[in-house]
């Protein structure tokens, strides 16, 4: 598997759909609700000239389908409304426009047919990869992304080169492979994040915010200690068993690599500072979640 990655989550509302199999993600959303409220109360300067428009625009990058994005957006809107109340600006309460972004293959039909009927915002879909520009310059007040940035933009080419030290023969992920494999994944993640930050820096207004929820682990934890490692190992062994049974061939396993990467606070801080477009206002690690709050 090589080239650009487009893995939309299972659409619809069936037993195997994302909406019925995303409990882990919604737990993270609920976990950071108060943290987001505090960050907006402290850093979202609604009295700034940048907020002179009567419309606040918010984007969920990698929204997928199901209720999770609606829960997250409701939490953010409540926090912003509370911010206006705290400044005694209730007479100047803006309207809200929310942009739901994901790959074009995402199930936008299900997403929009399940929009909350009592929503207090105008909704729009924005198809396309967030590893590139999606919005006009200085048009978005708050960017949000939850459990999406762990997906690399592509599988690193070195993993498929049998003449490279990073050839990932017989393995499907870096957590169960050598340091050379992990380094290649880390390098691709760094490139992707630089592209991501540059695009968002163009799109977010001066003083705007970005909230990212990502799979992660504490500083000092080894890749092999990633909580997801047993899953990757079991998946890998299942594929090798299928090779033994003649169900797939060995070359297919050699060419398959999961384009997933989890970061640490230290690594994320280094990437943000090197890019220079944003400041980290706060970053926390909750269980297996790495949550940076950034400001332009």
Protein backbone atom coordinates (compact mmCIF):
# COMPACT_ATOMS: atom_id res chain seq x y z
CA UNK A 1 0.00 0.00 0.00
CA UNK A 2 1.48 3.31 -1.05
CA UNK A 3 0.45 6.76 -2.20
CA UNK A 4 -1.89 9.23 -0.54
CA UNK A 5 -4.09 7.85 2.18
CA UNK A 6 -7.88 8.10 2.12
CA UNK A 7 -9.46 5.81 4.69
CA UNK A 8 -12.97 7.11 5.42
CA UNK A 9 -14.66 5.58 8.45
CA UNK A 10 -17.54 3.17 7.81
CA UNK A 11 -20.63 5.22 7.07
CA UNK A 12 -24.29 4.60 7.81
CA UNK A 13 -25.74 3.54 11.13
CA UNK A 14 -25.25 -0.21 11.00
CA UNK A 15 -23.50 -2.56 13.42
CA UNK A 16 -20.10 -1.98 11.79
CA UNK A 17 -20.48 1.78 11.30
CA UNK A 18 -18.22 4.37 12.88
CA UNK A 19 -21.20 5.88 14.67
CA UNK A 20 -21.73 2.58 16.53
CA UNK A 21 -18.02 1.91 17.16
CA UNK A 22 -16.51 5.18 18.37
CA UNK A 23 -17.03 5.06 22.12
CA UNK A 24 -13.30 5.52 22.77
CA UNK A 25 -13.33 8.80 20.86
CA UNK A 26 -16.38 10.23 22.60
CA UNK A 27 -14.82 9.47 25.97
CA UNK A 28 -11.90 11.71 25.00
CA UNK A 29 -14.30 14.45 23.89
CA UNK A 30 -16.09 14.38 27.23
CA UNK A 31 -12.80 14.22 29.11
CA UNK A 32 -11.55 17.50 27.65
CA UNK A 33 -14.84 19.41 27.81
CA UNK A 34 -13.83 21.51 30.83
CA UNK A 35 -10.32 21.99 29.50
CA UNK A 36 -11.72 23.45 26.27
CA UNK A 37 -14.09 25.70 28.20
CA UNK A 38 -11.20 27.02 30.29
CA UNK A 39 -9.02 27.58 27.23
CA UNK A 40 -11.75 29.51 25.38
CA UNK A 41 -12.46 31.57 28.50
CA UNK A 42 -8.79 32.48 28.79
CA UNK A 43 -7.65 32.85 25.19
CA UNK A 44 -10.66 33.44 22.92
CA UNK A 45 -10.66 37.25 22.84
CA UNK A 46 -14.15 38.07 21.57
CA UNK A 47 -13.50 41.81 22.11
CA UNK A 48 -10.63 41.82 19.61
CA UNK A 49 -11.10 43.62 16.26
CA UNK A 50 -10.52 40.22 14.64
CA UNK A 51 -13.92 39.18 16.04
CA UNK A 52 -15.78 42.19 14.64
CA UNK A 53 -17.78 39.98 12.26
CA UNK A 54 -21.24 38.94 13.46
CA UNK A 55 -20.43 35.37 12.47
CA UNK A 56 -18.09 32.98 14.30
CA UNK A 57 -16.74 30.27 11.98
CA UNK A 58 -15.62 26.92 13.37
CA UNK A 59 -14.21 23.93 11.49
CA UNK A 60 -14.02 20.27 12.52
CA UNK A 61 -11.19 18.69 10.53
CA UNK A 62 -11.62 14.96 9.96
CA UNK A 63 -15.16 15.01 11.32
CA UNK A 64 -16.20 11.55 10.05
CA UNK A 65 -19.86 10.65 10.77
CA UNK A 66 -21.95 9.87 13.78
CA UNK A 67 -22.71 11.79 16.96
CA UNK A 68 -19.16 12.55 18.10
CA UNK A 69 -18.65 15.65 15.99
CA UNK A 70 -22.02 17.05 17.08
CA UNK A 71 -21.16 16.53 20.75
CA UNK A 72 -17.80 18.24 20.32
CA UNK A 73 -19.27 21.18 18.41
CA UNK A 74 -22.02 21.62 21.02
CA UNK A 75 -19.36 21.77 23.76
CA UNK A 76 -17.38 24.40 21.85
CA UNK A 77 -20.42 26.56 21.08
CA UNK A 78 -21.50 26.49 24.72
CA UNK A 79 -18.02 27.57 25.78
CA UNK A 80 -18.00 30.48 23.31
CA UNK A 81 -21.49 31.57 24.36
CA UNK A 82 -20.38 31.48 28.00
CA UNK A 83 -17.42 33.66 27.01
CA UNK A 84 -19.77 36.29 25.55
CA UNK A 85 -21.91 36.17 28.69
CA UNK A 86 -18.85 36.61 30.91
CA UNK A 87 -17.99 39.79 28.98
CA UNK A 88 -21.58 41.07 29.19
CA UNK A 89 -21.80 40.94 25.41
CA UNK A 90 -25.08 39.04 25.16
CA UNK A 91 -26.52 41.76 22.91
CA UNK A 92 -23.65 41.11 20.50
CA UNK A 93 -24.00 37.31 20.44
CA UNK A 94 -22.89 36.20 16.96
CA UNK A 95 -24.32 33.60 14.66
CA UNK A 96 -22.29 30.42 14.20
CA UNK A 97 -21.25 28.70 11.01
CA UNK A 98 -19.76 25.23 11.34
CA UNK A 99 -17.75 23.51 8.64
CA UNK A 100 -17.54 19.72 8.73
CA UNK A 101 -14.46 18.52 6.86
CA UNK A 102 -13.31 15.08 5.80
CA UNK A 103 -12.20 13.23 2.69
CA UNK A 104 -14.62 13.31 -0.22
CA UNK A 105 -15.37 9.61 0.37
CA UNK A 106 -16.75 10.35 3.83
CA UNK A 107 -20.44 9.57 4.33
CA UNK A 108 -21.63 13.19 4.26
CA UNK A 109 -25.18 12.01 3.52
CA UNK A 110 -25.43 10.30 6.90
CA UNK A 111 -23.63 13.20 8.57
CA UNK A 112 -26.16 15.77 7.38
CA UNK A 113 -29.27 13.63 7.76
CA UNK A 114 -28.37 13.17 11.43
CA UNK A 115 -27.66 16.83 12.23
CA UNK A 116 -29.27 17.75 15.57
CA UNK A 117 -32.68 19.29 14.82
CA UNK A 118 -32.23 21.84 17.63
CA UNK A 119 -28.78 22.97 16.50
CA UNK A 120 -27.95 26.66 16.89
CA UNK A 121 -25.63 26.93 13.90
CA UNK A 122 -25.47 26.88 10.11
CA UNK A 123 -23.77 23.74 8.79
CA UNK A 124 -21.67 23.17 5.68
CA UNK A 125 -19.54 20.32 4.36
CA UNK A 126 -15.98 20.82 3.14
CA UNK A 127 -14.54 17.75 1.37
CA UNK A 128 -10.78 17.38 1.04
CA UNK A 129 -7.58 16.50 2.86
CA UNK A 130 -6.57 18.76 5.75
CA UNK A 131 -2.96 18.34 4.59
CA UNK A 132 -3.62 21.34 2.37
CA UNK A 133 -5.71 24.52 2.19
CA UNK A 134 -9.46 24.17 2.72
CA UNK A 135 -10.69 27.69 3.52
CA UNK A 136 -10.08 31.31 2.44
CA UNK A 137 -7.39 33.26 4.24
CA UNK A 138 -8.19 34.56 7.73
CA UNK A 139 -11.72 33.14 7.67
CA UNK A 140 -11.85 30.65 10.56
CA UNK A 141 -12.00 31.59 14.24
CA UNK A 142 -11.53 28.14 15.75
CA UNK A 143 -10.18 24.91 14.28
CA UNK A 144 -10.87 21.58 15.94
CA UNK A 145 -9.69 18.07 15.15
CA UNK A 146 -10.21 14.88 17.12
CA UNK A 147 -8.61 11.50 16.36
CA UNK A 148 -7.69 12.41 12.79
CA UNK A 149 -4.10 13.66 12.76
CA UNK A 150 -2.73 10.24 13.63
CA UNK A 151 -3.42 9.35 9.99
CA UNK A 152 -0.38 10.16 7.88
CA UNK A 153 -0.91 11.76 4.48
CA UNK A 154 0.77 8.76 2.86
CA UNK A 155 2.72 5.60 3.60
CA UNK A 156 6.45 6.48 3.67
CA UNK A 157 8.01 5.20 0.46
CA UNK A 158 11.06 3.76 2.26
CA UNK A 159 8.84 1.10 3.83
CA UNK A 160 8.23 -0.43 0.40
CA UNK A 161 11.83 -0.33 -0.85
CA UNK A 162 13.44 -3.73 -0.32
CA UNK A 163 16.85 -2.06 -0.66
CA UNK A 164 16.19 0.29 2.24
CA UNK A 165 16.99 -0.26 5.91
CA UNK A 166 13.42 0.84 6.50
CA UNK A 167 11.90 -1.92 4.37
CA UNK A 168 9.14 -3.21 6.63
CA UNK A 169 9.14 -6.82 5.49
CA UNK A 170 6.56 -8.98 7.25
CA UNK A 171 5.43 -6.12 9.50
CA UNK A 172 2.59 -3.62 9.24
CA UNK A 173 3.51 -0.90 11.76
CA UNK A 174 6.45 0.77 13.48
CA UNK A 175 5.48 -0.22 17.04
CA UNK A 176 6.36 -3.84 16.26
CA UNK A 177 9.37 -3.10 14.04
CA UNK A 178 12.90 -1.70 14.19
CA UNK A 179 14.07 1.81 15.10
CA UNK A 180 14.75 2.54 11.42
CA UNK A 181 11.07 1.92 10.68
CA UNK A 182 9.96 4.16 13.55
CA UNK A 183 12.28 6.95 12.37
CA UNK A 184 10.73 6.89 8.91
CA UNK A 185 7.23 7.14 10.40
CA UNK A 186 8.35 10.04 12.62
CA UNK A 187 9.87 11.86 9.64
CA UNK A 188 6.63 11.54 7.64
CA UNK A 189 4.61 12.77 10.62
CA UNK A 190 6.90 15.81 10.93
CA UNK A 191 6.43 16.66 7.23
CA UNK A 192 2.67 16.26 7.49
CA UNK A 193 2.39 18.43 10.59
CA UNK A 194 4.43 21.19 8.98
CA UNK A 195 2.10 21.14 5.98
CA UNK A 196 -0.92 21.08 8.29
CA UNK A 197 0.27 24.04 10.40
CA UNK A 198 1.14 26.13 7.33
CA UNK A 199 -2.32 25.62 5.85
CA UNK A 200 -4.09 26.41 9.12
CA UNK A 201 -1.95 29.52 9.69
CA UNK A 202 -3.32 30.96 6.44
CA UNK A 203 -6.92 30.10 7.30
CA UNK A 204 -7.22 31.07 10.98
CA UNK A 205 -7.80 34.70 11.95
CA UNK A 206 -5.24 36.55 14.08
CA UNK A 207 -5.89 35.46 17.66
CA UNK A 208 -7.83 32.39 16.58
CA UNK A 209 -7.47 29.00 18.24
CA UNK A 210 -6.84 25.41 17.28
CA UNK A 211 -7.75 22.43 19.47
CA UNK A 212 -6.28 19.03 18.58
CA UNK A 213 -7.05 15.68 20.21
CA UNK A 214 -4.64 12.98 19.11
CA UNK A 215 -3.59 9.49 20.18
CA UNK A 216 -0.38 9.91 22.13
CA UNK A 217 1.78 8.83 25.02
CA UNK A 218 3.87 10.43 27.75
CA UNK A 219 7.44 11.56 27.16
CA UNK A 220 9.96 8.77 27.61
CA UNK A 221 7.60 5.93 26.69
CA UNK A 222 9.06 3.58 24.08
CA UNK A 223 7.24 2.85 20.83
CA UNK A 224 6.96 -0.80 21.84
CA UNK A 225 5.05 0.35 24.95
CA UNK A 226 2.36 2.07 22.91
CA UNK A 227 -1.01 0.92 24.36
CA UNK A 228 -2.10 -0.03 20.84
CA UNK A 229 0.89 -2.31 20.29
CA UNK A 230 -0.96 -5.56 21.21
CA UNK A 231 -3.60 -4.73 18.60
CA UNK A 232 -1.00 -4.15 15.88
CA UNK A 233 0.81 -7.35 16.85
CA UNK A 234 -2.39 -9.43 16.75
CA UNK A 235 -3.38 -7.90 13.41
CA UNK A 236 0.09 -8.64 12.02
CA UNK A 237 0.02 -12.25 13.23
CA UNK A 238 -3.43 -12.76 11.70
CA UNK A 239 -2.10 -11.66 8.31
CA UNK A 240 0.91 -13.98 8.60
CA UNK A 241 -1.43 -16.85 9.49
CA UNK A 242 -3.43 -16.06 6.36
CA UNK A 243 -0.20 -16.33 4.35
CA UNK A 244 0.45 -19.80 5.81
CA UNK A 245 -3.08 -20.83 4.89
CA UNK A 246 -2.62 -19.58 1.32
CA UNK A 247 -5.37 -16.99 1.64
CA UNK A 248 -3.02 -14.11 0.74
CA UNK A 249 0.58 -14.06 -0.45
CA UNK A 250 3.66 -12.85 1.40
CA UNK A 251 4.23 -9.91 -0.94
CA UNK A 252 0.84 -8.50 0.01
CA UNK A 253 1.82 -8.43 3.68
CA UNK A 254 5.22 -6.89 2.85
CA UNK A 255 3.49 -4.08 0.95
CA UNK A 256 0.89 -3.34 3.63
CA UNK A 257 1.75 -0.69 6.25
CA UNK A 258 -0.71 1.08 8.52
CA UNK A 259 -0.22 4.85 8.10
CA UNK A 260 -0.91 5.59 11.78
CA UNK A 261 1.39 7.53 14.12
CA UNK A 262 1.07 8.57 17.78
CA UNK A 263 3.12 11.46 19.14
CA UNK A 264 4.36 12.69 22.53
CA UNK A 265 4.21 16.18 24.10
CA UNK A 266 7.96 16.66 23.62
CA UNK A 267 7.81 15.71 19.95
CA UNK A 268 4.70 17.83 19.34
CA UNK A 269 6.25 20.84 21.07
CA UNK A 270 9.35 20.54 18.89
CA UNK A 271 7.27 20.43 15.71
CA UNK A 272 5.11 23.42 16.68
CA UNK A 273 8.12 25.53 17.67
CA UNK A 274 10.05 24.59 14.52
CA UNK A 275 7.09 25.58 12.34
CA UNK A 276 6.64 28.90 14.16
CA UNK A 277 3.06 29.63 13.07
CA UNK A 278 1.40 28.88 16.41
CA UNK A 279 2.01 29.10 20.14
CA UNK A 280 1.13 26.26 22.47
CA UNK A 281 -1.19 27.65 25.13
CA UNK A 282 -1.66 24.31 26.86
CA UNK A 283 -0.95 20.65 26.23
CA UNK A 284 -2.09 17.71 28.34
CA UNK A 285 -1.78 13.94 28.16
CA UNK A 286 -4.88 12.15 29.42
CA UNK A 287 -4.51 8.38 29.45
CA UNK A 288 -3.74 7.70 25.76
CA UNK A 289 -4.78 11.12 24.44
CA UNK A 290 -2.37 13.92 23.56
CA UNK A 291 -4.24 17.25 23.52
CA UNK A 292 -2.51 20.45 22.31
CA UNK A 293 -4.31 23.81 22.40
CA UNK A 294 -2.69 26.21 19.94
CA UNK A 295 -3.15 29.89 19.20
CA UNK A 296 -2.14 31.83 16.11
